[in-house]
Amino acid sequence: QVQLVESGGGLVQAGNSLRLSCTASGRSFSTTAMGWFRQAPGKEREFVAGISWGTAIPDYANSVKGRFTISRDNAKNTVWLQMNNLKPEDTAVYYCAADPAAEIADIPMTTYEYDYWGQGTQVTVSS
């Protein structure tokens, strides 16, 4: 079992930044691929960013490339999502997810590949 707790959401104006955190407890975080997803009202949950566990290689959705950065610290069991130059279309509930079955360099990008999810944190960007 893996428990995930997100924090850092809030209300910001367009152009500003937020940093989301996700702290994991339970089985080994250091061998678990991590991802961030988001879900806006009336829309499906979508991949935002992911990071592998062995090489810490990141990958991003095209809509956030160049603005968002995912990082992890295995010693702290934590993954972060730094979000810069936020836009109103980034407004959503953001979820942290864990895939303990991922291979060393894999970055799962679909919801069904992740076994564990956090409770979500609301990000609202005003124009």
Foldseek 3Di string as FASTA:
>chain_A
DKAKAKDWADEEAAQAKIKMKIAIDDPQLLQKKKFKWWDDPPGDIFGAKIAFRQPRDMDGDPVQPPFWDWGDDRVRRMIMIIGGRDDQVVWTWMKMFIQNPDPRGDTDTDPVRTDDIYPTDTHGYHD
